[in-house]
Amino acid sequence: MAPIFRSCGPLSLRTACFLIAFYTFALAILLLSLNAHDYYYASQYMVWSRIISFVFAVVLFFAAICLLGGLNRNSRQLHNVWILAFGVFIIYQVSSIAWNIYYYTDAYNPVPVVVRSSMLSNIIVNGLLVFLNVLCLITVHSHRETIIGL
């Protein structure tokens, strides 16, 4: 399959992938901080969301390590690990946005104001990051396609 991108503006695909690996670390930290915020303000609400977010934060941390290793070794397999983990994370992110929109707009479900503000912040932050995450996924895929060999 041909690479979709040949470069990322002024950056090469390899340099962009290094930045994406560090962005993945930052994204894992963001997930943990949103998780801590939700736990502090709404400990009895959204329990399953916090558990899954914590799991994905750990998975993204290890995926970023795999991407850095794949960039240093020119390994397509380590790129594949990051692509798979990040693709599943994007699916989770879209489903989380849909779930938050549903409960945020549900008039029959009385939710405290603090929880509603947390839902709104999750909708806005994750809604904006979904587009950047898809762009990162395409960039790493394009770099993987330029690697020769195993």
N, C-alpha and C. Protein backbone atom coordinates (compact mmCIF):
# COMPACT_ATOMS: atom_id res chain seq x y z
N MET A 1 0.84 -1.17 0.00
CA MET A 1 0.00 0.00 0.00
C MET A 1 0.89 1.24 0.00
N ALA A 2 0.56 2.19 -0.81
CA ALA A 2 1.38 3.39 -0.96
C ALA A 2 1.18 4.32 0.24
N PRO A 3 2.24 5.04 0.61
CA PRO A 3 2.09 6.00 1.71
C PRO A 3 1.16 7.14 1.30
N ILE A 4 0.36 7.60 2.24
CA ILE A 4 -0.57 8.70 1.97
C ILE A 4 0.17 10.02 1.99
N PHE A 5 1.04 10.21 2.98
CA PHE A 5 1.85 11.42 3.08
C PHE A 5 3.27 11.11 2.65
N ARG A 6 3.92 12.07 2.03
CA ARG A 6 5.34 11.94 1.71
C ARG A 6 6.18 12.77 2.69
N SER A 7 5.57 13.78 3.28
CA SER A 7 6.21 14.59 4.32
C SER A 7 5.11 15.26 5.13
N CYS A 8 5.50 15.89 6.20
CA CYS A 8 4.55 16.62 7.05
C CYS A 8 4.96 18.08 7.08
N GLY A 9 4.63 18.79 6.02
CA GLY A 9 5.02 20.19 5.93
C GLY A 9 6.53 20.30 5.87
N PRO A 10 7.13 21.05 6.79
CA PRO A 10 8.59 21.20 6.76
C PRO A 10 9.32 20.01 7.39
N LEU A 11 8.59 19.08 7.98
CA LEU A 11 9.22 17.94 8.67
C LEU A 11 9.21 16.70 7.80
N SER A 12 10.19 15.86 8.01
CA SER A 12 10.16 14.55 7.36
C SER A 12 9.19 13.66 8.14
N LEU A 13 8.79 12.55 7.53
CA LEU A 13 7.88 11.63 8.21
C LEU A 13 8.52 11.06 9.47
N ARG A 14 9.81 10.80 9.43
CA ARG A 14 10.50 10.26 10.60
C ARG A 14 10.49 11.25 11.77
N THR A 15 10.78 12.51 11.49
CA THR A 15 10.74 13.53 12.54
C THR A 15 9.33 13.71 13.07
N ALA A 16 8.36 13.70 12.18
CA ALA A 16 6.96 13.82 12.61
C ALA A 16 6.57 12.64 13.49
N CYS A 17 7.06 11.46 13.19
CA CYS A 17 6.75 10.28 14.01
C CYS A 17 7.39 10.39 15.39
N PHE A 18 8.59 10.98 15.48
CA PHE A 18 9.18 11.22 16.80
C PHE A 18 8.30 12.16 17.61
N LEU A 19 7.81 13.22 16.97
CA LEU A 19 6.92 14.15 17.66
C LEU A 19 5.61 13.46 18.05
N ILE A 20 5.12 12.58 17.20
CA ILE A 20 3.88 11.85 17.50
C ILE A 20 4.09 10.92 18.69
N ALA A 21 5.27 10.32 18.80
CA ALA A 21 5.54 9.46 19.96
C ALA A 21 5.48 10.27 21.26
N PHE A 22 6.05 11.47 21.24
CA PHE A 22 5.99 12.30 22.45
C PHE A 22 4.58 12.84 22.67
N TYR A 23 3.84 13.09 21.60
CA TYR A 23 2.43 13.45 21.72
C TYR A 23 1.64 12.31 22.36
N THR A 24 1.98 11.08 22.03
CA THR A 24 1.30 9.93 22.62
C THR A 24 1.56 9.86 24.12
N PHE A 25 2.80 10.15 24.53
CA PHE A 25 3.08 10.24 25.97
C PHE A 25 2.22 11.33 26.62
N ALA A 26 2.15 12.50 25.97
CA ALA A 26 1.35 13.60 26.51
C ALA A 26 -0.13 13.24 26.57
N LEU A 27 -0.60 12.50 25.57
CA LEU A 27 -1.99 12.07 25.54
C LEU A 27 -2.29 11.11 26.69
N ALA A 28 -1.35 10.23 27.01
CA ALA A 28 -1.53 9.33 28.15
C ALA A 28 -1.60 10.11 29.45
N ILE A 29 -0.77 11.13 29.58
CA ILE A 29 -0.81 11.97 30.78
C ILE A 29 -2.12 12.75 30.85
N LEU A 30 -2.60 13.24 29.70
CA LEU A 30 -3.88 13.95 29.66
C LEU A 30 -5.02 13.03 30.09
N LEU A 31 -5.01 11.79 29.62
CA LEU A 31 -6.04 10.83 30.03
C LEU A 31 -6.01 10.60 31.54
N LEU A 32 -4.82 10.48 32.09
CA LEU A 32 -4.72 10.28 33.54
C LEU A 32 -5.20 11.50 34.31
N SER A 33 -4.91 12.71 33.80
CA SER A 33 -5.35 13.92 34.51
C SER A 33 -6.86 14.09 34.41
N LEU A 34 -7.45 13.80 33.24
CA LEU A 34 -8.91 13.85 33.14
C LEU A 34 -9.55 12.80 34.03
N ASN A 35 -8.90 11.66 34.15
CA ASN A 35 -9.36 10.60 35.02
C ASN A 35 -9.34 11.05 36.48
N ALA A 36 -8.26 11.70 36.89
CA ALA A 36 -8.17 12.19 38.27
C ALA A 36 -9.21 13.28 38.53
N HIS A 37 -9.44 14.14 37.55
CA HIS A 37 -10.46 15.18 37.69
C HIS A 37 -11.84 14.57 37.87
N ASP A 38 -12.17 13.58 37.05
CA ASP A 38 -13.47 12.92 37.17
C ASP A 38 -13.60 12.20 38.50
N TYR A 39 -12.53 11.59 38.97
CA TYR A 39 -12.58 10.88 40.25
C TYR A 39 -12.79 11.86 41.41
N TYR A 40 -12.16 13.01 41.32
CA TYR A 40 -12.26 13.99 42.40
C TYR A 40 -13.66 14.61 42.46
N TYR A 41 -14.21 14.98 41.31
CA TYR A 41 -15.48 15.69 41.29
C TYR A 41 -16.70 14.79 41.17
N ALA A 42 -16.55 13.61 40.64
CA ALA A 42 -17.70 12.73 40.42
C ALA A 42 -17.30 11.29 40.67
N SER A 43 -17.01 10.98 41.91
CA SER A 43 -16.50 9.65 42.21
C SER A 43 -17.55 8.56 42.01
N GLN A 44 -18.83 8.88 42.12
CA GLN A 44 -19.87 7.85 41.97
C GLN A 44 -20.39 7.76 40.54
N TYR A 45 -20.00 8.68 39.67
CA TYR A 45 -20.44 8.65 38.28
C TYR A 45 -19.30 8.22 37.37
N MET A 46 -19.64 7.68 36.24
CA MET A 46 -18.68 7.36 35.18
C MET A 46 -17.53 6.47 35.64
N VAL A 47 -17.83 5.46 36.44
CA VAL A 47 -16.79 4.57 36.97
C VAL A 47 -16.15 3.77 35.84
N TRP A 48 -16.95 3.19 34.95
CA TRP A 48 -16.40 2.37 33.86
C TRP A 48 -15.52 3.20 32.95
N SER A 49 -15.88 4.46 32.75
CA SER A 49 -15.10 5.34 31.88
C SER A 49 -13.71 5.58 32.47
N ARG A 50 -13.64 5.76 33.77
CA ARG A 50 -12.33 5.99 34.40
C ARG A 50 -11.45 4.75 34.34
N ILE A 51 -12.04 3.59 34.51
CA ILE A 51 -11.25 2.35 34.44
C ILE A 51 -10.69 2.15 33.04
N ILE A 52 -11.54 2.33 32.03
CA ILE A 52 -11.09 2.16 30.65
C ILE A 52 -10.08 3.23 30.27
N SER A 53 -10.27 4.46 30.73
CA SER A 53 -9.31 5.53 30.44
C SER A 53 -7.95 5.22 31.05
N PHE A 54 -7.94 4.67 32.25
CA PHE A 54 -6.68 4.30 32.88
C PHE A 54 -5.97 3.21 32.08
N VAL A 55 -6.73 2.21 31.64
CA VAL A 55 -6.15 1.13 30.84
C VAL A 55 -5.57 1.70 29.54
N PHE A 56 -6.32 2.59 28.88
CA PHE A 56 -5.82 3.16 27.64
C PHE A 56 -4.62 4.07 27.87
N ALA A 57 -4.55 4.74 29.00
CA ALA A 57 -3.37 5.56 29.29
C ALA A 57 -2.13 4.69 29.38
N VAL A 58 -2.25 3.55 30.04
CA VAL A 58 -1.12 2.62 30.14
C VAL A 58 -0.77 2.05 28.77
N VAL A 59 -1.79 1.67 28.00
CA VAL A 59 -1.56 1.12 26.65
C VAL A 59 -0.89 2.16 25.76
N LEU A 60 -1.34 3.42 25.82
CA LEU A 60 -0.73 4.47 25.01
C LEU A 60 0.72 4.73 25.42
N PHE A 61 1.00 4.64 26.71
CA PHE A 61 2.37 4.81 27.17
C PHE A 61 3.28 3.75 26.55
N PHE A 62 2.85 2.49 26.60
CA PHE A 62 3.66 1.42 26.01
C PHE A 62 3.68 1.50 24.48
N ALA A 63 2.60 1.97 23.87
CA ALA A 63 2.59 2.14 22.42
C ALA A 63 3.58 3.21 21.99
N ALA A 64 3.70 4.27 22.77
CA ALA A 64 4.68 5.32 22.45
C ALA A 64 6.10 4.77 22.55
N ILE A 65 6.35 3.93 23.54
CA ILE A 65 7.67 3.29 23.65
C ILE A 65 7.93 2.41 22.43
N CYS A 66 6.91 1.68 21.98
CA CYS A 66 7.07 0.83 20.78
C CYS A 66 7.34 1.68 19.55
N LEU A 67 6.66 2.83 19.44
CA LEU A 67 6.90 3.69 18.28
C LEU A 67 8.32 4.24 18.29
N LEU A 68 8.79 4.67 19.44
CA LEU A 68 10.18 5.15 19.52
C LEU A 68 11.17 4.04 19.18
N GLY A 69 10.90 2.83 19.68
CA GLY A 69 11.76 1.70 19.34
C GLY A 69 11.69 1.37 17.86
N GLY A 70 10.51 1.45 17.28
CA GLY A 70 10.35 1.19 15.85
C GLY A 70 11.05 2.22 14.99
N LEU A 71 11.08 3.46 15.46
CA LEU A 71 11.79 4.50 14.71
C LEU A 71 13.30 4.30 14.80
N ASN A 72 13.78 3.89 15.96
CA ASN A 72 15.23 3.68 16.12
C ASN A 72 15.71 2.44 15.38
N ARG A 73 14.89 1.40 15.31
CA ARG A 73 15.30 0.14 14.67
C ARG A 73 14.77 -0.02 13.25
N ASN A 74 13.98 0.93 12.77
CA ASN A 74 13.30 0.82 11.48
C ASN A 74 12.48 -0.47 11.40
N SER A 75 11.69 -0.70 12.43
CA SER A 75 10.90 -1.93 12.55
C SER A 75 9.44 -1.66 12.21
N ARG A 76 8.96 -2.35 11.18
CA ARG A 76 7.55 -2.22 10.80
C ARG A 76 6.64 -2.82 11.87
N GLN A 77 7.09 -3.88 12.53
CA GLN A 77 6.26 -4.54 13.54
C GLN A 77 5.99 -3.62 14.73
N LEU A 78 6.99 -2.89 15.17
CA LEU A 78 6.77 -1.97 16.29
C LEU A 78 5.87 -0.81 15.87
N HIS A 79 5.95 -0.40 14.61
CA HIS A 79 5.00 0.60 14.11
C HIS A 79 3.58 0.02 14.13
N ASN A 80 3.46 -1.25 13.76
CA ASN A 80 2.14 -1.90 13.75
C ASN A 80 1.52 -1.94 15.15
N VAL A 81 2.34 -2.16 16.17
CA VAL A 81 1.83 -2.16 17.55
C VAL A 81 1.23 -0.80 17.87
N TRP A 82 1.95 0.28 17.53
CA TRP A 82 1.44 1.62 17.80
C TRP A 82 0.17 1.88 17.00
N ILE A 83 0.16 1.50 15.72
CA ILE A 83 -1.01 1.73 14.87
C ILE A 83 -2.23 1.00 15.42
N LEU A 84 -2.05 -0.24 15.83
CA LEU A 84 -3.17 -1.01 16.39
C LEU A 84 -3.68 -0.39 17.68
N ALA A 85 -2.77 -0.08 18.60
CA ALA A 85 -3.18 0.51 19.88
C ALA A 85 -3.85 1.87 19.68
N PHE A 86 -3.30 2.68 18.80
CA PHE A 86 -3.86 4.01 18.58
C PHE A 86 -5.18 3.93 17.84
N GLY A 87 -5.32 2.99 16.92
CA GLY A 87 -6.59 2.81 16.22
C GLY A 87 -7.70 2.40 17.17
N VAL A 88 -7.40 1.48 18.08
CA VAL A 88 -8.40 1.06 19.08
C VAL A 88 -8.71 2.23 20.01
N PHE A 89 -7.69 3.03 20.35
CA PHE A 89 -7.93 4.20 21.20
C PHE A 89 -8.85 5.20 20.51
N ILE A 90 -8.68 5.41 19.21
CA ILE A 90 -9.55 6.34 18.49
C ILE A 90 -10.99 5.84 18.50
N ILE A 91 -11.18 4.54 18.33
CA ILE A 91 -12.54 3.97 18.39
C ILE A 91 -13.13 4.20 19.78
N TYR A 92 -12.34 3.97 20.83
CA TYR A 92 -12.81 4.24 22.19
C TYR A 92 -13.14 5.72 22.37
N GLN A 93 -12.31 6.58 21.83
CA GLN A 93 -12.51 8.02 21.98
C GLN A 93 -13.81 8.46 21.32
N VAL A 94 -14.10 7.96 20.13
CA VAL A 94 -15.34 8.31 19.44
C VAL A 94 -16.55 7.78 20.22
N SER A 95 -16.45 6.55 20.73
CA SER A 95 -17.58 6.00 21.50
C SER A 95 -17.76 6.75 22.81
N SER A 96 -16.68 7.19 23.43
CA SER A 96 -16.78 7.98 24.65
C SER A 96 -17.44 9.33 24.39
N ILE A 97 -17.10 9.94 23.27
CA ILE A 97 -17.74 11.21 22.90
C ILE A 97 -19.23 11.00 22.70
N ALA A 98 -19.60 9.94 21.99
CA ALA A 98 -21.02 9.67 21.75
C ALA A 98 -21.75 9.41 23.06
N TRP A 99 -21.14 8.64 23.96
CA TRP A 99 -21.77 8.36 25.25
C TRP A 99 -21.95 9.64 26.06
N ASN A 100 -20.91 10.49 26.10
CA ASN A 100 -21.01 11.75 26.84
C ASN A 100 -22.05 12.69 26.24
N ILE A 101 -22.14 12.74 24.92
CA ILE A 101 -23.17 13.58 24.29
C ILE A 101 -24.56 13.07 24.65
N TYR A 102 -24.74 11.75 24.63
CA TYR A 102 -26.04 11.18 24.96
C TYR A 102 -26.45 11.54 26.39
N TYR A 103 -25.57 11.33 27.35
CA TYR A 103 -25.92 11.62 28.74
C TYR A 103 -25.92 13.10 29.05
N TYR A 104 -25.15 13.89 28.32
CA TYR A 104 -25.15 15.34 28.54
C TYR A 104 -26.47 15.95 28.08
N THR A 105 -27.05 15.41 27.02
CA THR A 105 -28.29 15.96 26.48
C THR A 105 -29.53 15.24 26.98
N ASP A 106 -29.38 14.21 27.81
CA ASP A 106 -30.52 13.46 28.32
C ASP A 106 -31.24 14.28 29.38
N ALA A 107 -32.47 14.68 29.09
CA ALA A 107 -33.25 15.52 30.00
C ALA A 107 -33.83 14.72 31.16
N TYR A 108 -33.94 13.42 31.01
CA TYR A 108 -34.55 12.58 32.04
C TYR A 108 -33.54 12.07 33.06
N ASN A 109 -32.30 12.36 32.86
CA ASN A 109 -31.26 11.88 33.76
C ASN A 109 -30.69 13.06 34.54
N PRO A 110 -31.17 13.30 35.77
CA PRO A 110 -30.65 14.43 36.54
C PRO A 110 -29.21 14.17 36.99
N VAL A 111 -28.31 14.99 36.51
CA VAL A 111 -26.89 14.84 36.82
C VAL A 111 -26.43 16.14 37.48
N PRO A 112 -25.61 16.05 38.52
CA PRO A 112 -25.11 17.28 39.16
C PRO A 112 -24.35 18.16 38.17
N VAL A 113 -24.32 19.44 38.47
CA VAL A 113 -23.70 20.42 37.58
C VAL A 113 -22.21 20.13 37.38
N VAL A 114 -21.54 19.69 38.41
CA VAL A 114 -20.11 19.40 38.30
C VAL A 114 -19.87 18.25 37.32
N VAL A 115 -20.74 17.25 37.35
CA VAL A 115 -20.60 16.11 36.43
C VAL A 115 -20.91 16.55 35.01
N ARG A 116 -21.92 17.40 34.85
CA ARG A 116 -22.25 17.90 33.50
C ARG A 116 -21.09 18.72 32.93
N SER A 117 -20.45 19.52 33.76
CA SER A 117 -19.31 20.30 33.26
C SER A 117 -18.14 19.38 32.90
N SER A 118 -17.97 18.30 33.65
CA SER A 118 -16.92 17.33 33.32
C SER A 118 -17.23 16.65 31.99
N MET A 119 -18.51 16.29 31.79
CA MET A 119 -18.90 15.68 30.51
C MET A 119 -18.66 16.64 29.36
N LEU A 120 -19.02 17.92 29.56
CA LEU A 120 -18.83 18.90 28.49
C LEU A 120 -17.35 19.08 28.17
N SER A 121 -16.51 19.11 29.20
CA SER A 121 -15.07 19.26 28.94
C SER A 121 -14.52 18.03 28.21
N ASN A 122 -15.00 16.83 28.57
CA ASN A 122 -14.57 15.63 27.85
C ASN A 122 -15.03 15.65 26.40
N ILE A 123 -16.25 16.13 26.15
CA ILE A 123 -16.76 16.22 24.78
C ILE A 123 -15.90 17.16 23.96
N ILE A 124 -15.59 18.33 24.51
CA ILE A 124 -14.83 19.33 23.76
C ILE A 124 -13.39 18.87 23.52
N VAL A 125 -12.71 18.43 24.58
CA VAL A 125 -11.30 18.04 24.45
C VAL A 125 -11.15 16.83 23.53
N ASN A 126 -11.93 15.78 23.78
CA ASN A 126 -11.81 14.58 22.95
C ASN A 126 -12.31 14.82 21.53
N GLY A 127 -13.32 15.68 21.38
CA GLY A 127 -13.81 15.99 20.04
C GLY A 127 -12.76 16.68 19.18
N LEU A 128 -12.00 17.56 19.80
CA LEU A 128 -10.93 18.24 19.05
C LEU A 128 -9.74 17.31 18.80
N LEU A 129 -9.43 16.47 19.77
CA LEU A 129 -8.27 15.60 19.63
C LEU A 129 -8.49 14.44 18.66
N VAL A 130 -9.74 14.09 18.38
CA VAL A 130 -10.00 12.98 17.46
C VAL A 130 -9.41 13.28 16.08
N PHE A 131 -9.55 14.50 15.62
CA PHE A 131 -9.03 14.85 14.29
C PHE A 131 -7.50 14.80 14.27
N LEU A 132 -6.87 15.30 15.31
CA LEU A 132 -5.42 15.23 15.40
C LEU A 132 -4.94 13.79 15.50
N ASN A 133 -5.68 12.96 16.23
CA ASN A 133 -5.29 11.56 16.38
C ASN A 133 -5.37 10.80 15.06
N VAL A 134 -6.40 11.08 14.27
CA VAL A 134 -6.51 10.43 12.95
C VAL A 134 -5.35 10.87 12.06
N LEU A 135 -5.00 12.14 12.11
CA LEU A 135 -3.87 12.64 11.33
C LEU A 135 -2.57 11.97 11.77
N CYS A 136 -2.39 11.78 13.06
CA CYS A 136 -1.20 11.07 13.57
C CYS A 136 -1.18 9.63 13.09
N LEU A 137 -2.33 8.99 13.10
CA LEU A 137 -2.42 7.60 12.64
C LEU A 137 -2.02 7.49 11.17
N ILE A 138 -2.50 8.40 10.35
CA ILE A 138 -2.16 8.39 8.92
C ILE A 138 -0.67 8.66 8.72
N THR A 139 -0.11 9.56 9.51
CA THR A 139 1.32 9.88 9.39
C THR A 139 2.20 8.68 9.73
N VAL A 140 1.89 8.01 10.83
CA VAL A 140 2.70 6.84 11.22
C VAL A 140 2.52 5.72 10.20
N HIS A 141 1.31 5.56 9.69
CA HIS A 141 1.08 4.56 8.64
C HIS A 141 1.92 4.88 7.40
N SER A 142 1.97 6.15 7.02
CA SER A 142 2.77 6.55 5.86
C SER A 142 4.25 6.29 6.09
N HIS A 143 4.73 6.57 7.30
CA HIS A 143 6.14 6.30 7.59
C HIS A 143 6.43 4.81 7.57
N ARG A 144 5.50 4.02 8.09
CA ARG A 144 5.69 2.56 8.09
C ARG A 144 5.81 2.03 6.67
N GLU A 145 5.05 2.60 5.75
CA GLU A 145 5.09 2.14 4.36
C GLU A 145 6.40 2.51 3.66
N THR A 146 7.13 3.49 4.19
CA THR A 146 8.40 3.87 3.57
C THR A 146 9.57 3.05 4.09
N ILE A 147 9.36 2.27 5.16
CA ILE A 147 10.43 1.44 5.72
C ILE A 147 10.63 0.22 4.83
N ILE A 148 11.88 -0.02 4.46
CA ILE A 148 12.20 -1.15 3.60
C ILE A 148 12.61 -2.33 4.48
N GLY A 149 12.10 -3.48 4.15
CA GLY A 149 12.46 -4.69 4.90
C GLY A 149 11.48 -4.97 6.02
N LEU A 150 11.95 -5.72 7.00
CA LEU A 150 11.10 -6.10 8.12
C LEU A 150 11.14 -5.01 9.14
